[in-house]
Amino acid sequence: MPNACEYHDMGFNCCESVLSGLCDYLGEDTKLVPRIATGFGGGVGHTGDICGAVSGAIMALGIKFGRSSADEKEKRDRLYLMVEEFLEHVRKELGSIDCFDLIGIKLNAVDGMKVYRENKLGKKCHRIIEQVDELARKFLERETTP
């Protein structure tokens, strides 16, 4: 099974890659993953907001620790705390959780994708994906949420 970076090398965006790799790690079905995660690439729809790799990791935390019904409020609240902690770790490691801050461009700008390709920013994203994936795996190894 490919890891997150290998999914990225195949052409999947950052969110698709991280979520697919972590689902494989968890032994979860990834059939719907690309479709669910596609809109989160480039900082949610290429807007430069929260990094897609981070979004994918949060989705994976939800797969393992999230609730299945509305009445599981305690489970929801524990996951919220875990996500807060995860985001703190990502900010500490990467300096930000926003795509624009991490790669320096908005992909939805007029020449955003052109600049991305010309400056080989995919390599930068690759490193971010690797770091986020590694951190998410540490959280996924926990038995329960806090």
Protein backbone atom coordinates (compact mmCIF):
# COMPACT_ATOMS: atom_id res chain seq x y z
CA MET A 1 0.00 0.00 0.00
CA PRO A 2 1.28 3.45 -0.85
CA ASN A 3 2.04 6.00 1.85
CA ALA A 4 0.92 9.63 1.70
CA CYS A 5 3.99 10.80 -0.25
CA GLU A 6 3.57 8.01 -2.79
CA TYR A 7 -0.06 9.02 -3.31
CA HIS A 8 1.15 12.58 -3.90
CA ASP A 9 3.70 11.30 -6.41
CA MET A 10 0.81 9.60 -8.26
CA GLY A 11 -0.83 13.00 -8.74
CA PHE A 12 -3.27 13.19 -5.84
CA ASN A 13 -3.52 16.51 -4.02
CA CYS A 14 -2.24 16.98 -0.47
CA CYS A 15 -5.52 16.19 1.26
CA GLU A 16 -6.27 13.17 -0.92
CA SER A 17 -2.73 11.89 -0.35
CA VAL A 18 -2.65 12.23 3.42
CA LEU A 19 -6.14 10.84 3.93
CA SER A 20 -5.52 7.92 1.56
CA GLY A 21 -2.21 7.06 3.20
CA LEU A 22 -3.66 7.25 6.70
CA CYS A 23 -6.71 5.20 5.74
CA ASP A 24 -4.35 2.53 4.42
CA TYR A 25 -2.42 2.77 7.69
CA LEU A 26 -5.67 2.27 9.62
CA GLY A 27 -6.83 -0.54 7.34
CA GLU A 28 -9.85 1.51 6.26
CA ASP A 29 -11.46 1.45 2.83
CA THR A 30 -10.22 4.31 0.65
CA LYS A 31 -12.71 3.98 -2.20
CA LEU A 32 -14.42 7.31 -1.43
CA VAL A 33 -11.35 9.16 -0.21
CA PRO A 34 -10.31 11.01 -3.33
CA ARG A 35 -13.84 12.26 -3.93
CA ILE A 36 -14.33 13.33 -0.31
CA ALA A 37 -10.92 15.00 -0.08
CA THR A 38 -10.53 16.62 -3.51
CA GLY A 39 -12.05 19.98 -2.57
CA PHE A 40 -9.63 20.46 0.32
CA GLY A 41 -6.48 20.68 -1.84
CA GLY A 42 -4.52 23.91 -1.98
CA GLY A 43 -5.90 25.12 1.31
CA VAL A 44 -9.56 24.28 0.70
CA GLY A 45 -10.43 24.86 -2.93
CA HIS A 46 -7.05 26.45 -3.71
CA THR A 47 -7.87 29.44 -1.46
CA GLY A 48 -4.71 29.14 0.64
CA ASP A 49 -6.66 28.51 3.85
CA ILE A 50 -6.03 25.45 6.05
CA CYS A 51 -3.50 23.13 4.42
CA GLY A 52 -5.07 20.15 2.68
CA ALA A 53 -2.59 17.77 4.28
CA VAL A 54 -3.76 18.99 7.69
CA SER A 55 -7.41 18.64 6.65
CA GLY A 56 -6.78 15.09 5.49
CA ALA A 57 -5.10 14.22 8.76
CA ILE A 58 -8.02 15.61 10.75
CA MET A 59 -10.40 13.51 8.65
CA ALA A 60 -8.32 10.43 9.47
CA LEU A 61 -8.49 11.26 13.18
CA GLY A 62 -12.25 11.45 12.75
CA ILE A 63 -12.32 8.05 11.08
CA LYS A 64 -10.60 6.48 14.05
CA PHE A 65 -11.93 8.54 16.94
CA GLY A 66 -15.04 10.32 15.62
CA ARG A 67 -18.62 9.69 16.56
CA SER A 68 -21.13 7.64 14.61
CA SER A 69 -24.30 9.18 15.98
CA ALA A 70 -25.40 12.61 17.18
CA ASP A 71 -25.83 11.47 20.76
CA GLU A 72 -22.12 10.62 21.14
CA LYS A 73 -21.34 14.12 22.39
CA GLU A 74 -18.54 13.00 24.71
CA LYS A 75 -16.75 11.29 21.83
CA ARG A 76 -17.17 14.45 19.72
CA ASP A 77 -15.81 16.68 22.46
CA ARG A 78 -12.79 14.43 23.04
CA LEU A 79 -12.01 14.50 19.32
CA TYR A 80 -12.26 18.30 19.31
CA LEU A 81 -9.61 18.37 22.05
CA MET A 82 -7.40 15.99 20.09
CA VAL A 83 -7.72 18.11 16.95
CA GLU A 84 -6.81 21.23 18.91
CA GLU A 85 -3.71 19.46 20.22
CA PHE A 86 -2.86 18.15 16.75
CA LEU A 87 -3.12 21.65 15.27
CA GLU A 88 -0.85 23.02 18.01
CA HIS A 89 1.76 20.41 17.09
CA VAL A 90 1.46 21.17 13.38
CA ARG A 91 1.81 24.92 14.01
CA LYS A 92 4.87 24.27 16.17
CA GLU A 93 6.47 22.00 13.57
CA LEU A 94 5.54 23.87 10.37
CA GLY A 95 4.99 27.41 11.64
CA SER A 96 1.42 27.59 10.32
CA ILE A 97 -1.53 25.44 9.31
CA ASP A 98 -2.45 27.59 6.30
CA CYS A 99 -1.44 26.61 2.79
CA PHE A 100 -0.62 30.19 1.78
CA ASP A 101 1.75 30.63 4.73
CA LEU A 102 3.39 27.28 4.01
CA ILE A 103 3.94 27.59 0.25
CA GLY A 104 3.70 31.34 -0.32
CA ILE A 105 1.08 31.46 -3.07
CA LYS A 106 -2.64 31.07 -3.55
CA LEU A 107 -3.20 28.42 -6.14
CA ASN A 108 -6.45 30.07 -7.26
CA ALA A 109 -4.61 33.27 -8.24
CA VAL A 110 -4.44 34.05 -11.97
CA ASP A 111 -1.02 32.41 -12.40
CA GLY A 112 -1.04 30.45 -9.15
CA MET A 113 -0.71 26.97 -10.63
CA LYS A 114 1.84 28.20 -13.18
CA VAL A 115 3.99 29.66 -10.39
CA TYR A 116 3.49 26.48 -8.34
CA ARG A 117 4.79 24.32 -11.18
CA GLU A 118 7.60 26.66 -12.28
CA ASN A 119 8.95 26.93 -8.74
CA LYS A 120 8.51 23.20 -8.12
CA LEU A 121 6.47 23.91 -5.00
CA GLY A 122 5.21 20.34 -5.15
CA LYS A 123 8.51 19.39 -3.49
CA LYS A 124 7.69 21.73 -0.61
CA CYS A 125 4.21 20.21 -0.37
CA HIS A 126 5.78 16.77 -0.41
CA ARG A 127 7.80 17.62 2.71
CA ILE A 128 4.72 19.08 4.39
CA ILE A 129 2.73 15.96 3.56
CA GLU A 130 5.48 13.81 5.02
CA GLN A 131 5.62 15.81 8.26
CA VAL A 132 1.84 15.98 8.71
CA ASP A 133 1.47 12.28 7.94
CA GLU A 134 4.16 11.37 10.48
CA LEU A 135 2.57 13.54 13.17
CA ALA A 136 -0.93 12.21 12.43
CA ARG A 137 0.30 8.62 12.77
CA LYS A 138 1.51 9.40 16.28
CA PHE A 139 -1.96 10.64 17.18
CA LEU A 140 -3.59 7.65 15.49
CA GLU A 141 -1.46 5.29 17.59
CA ARG A 142 -3.25 6.50 20.69
CA GLU A 143 -5.83 4.15 22.13
CA THR A 144 -8.42 6.87 22.70
CA THR A 145 -8.87 10.60 22.48
CA PRO A 146 -7.83 12.71 25.49
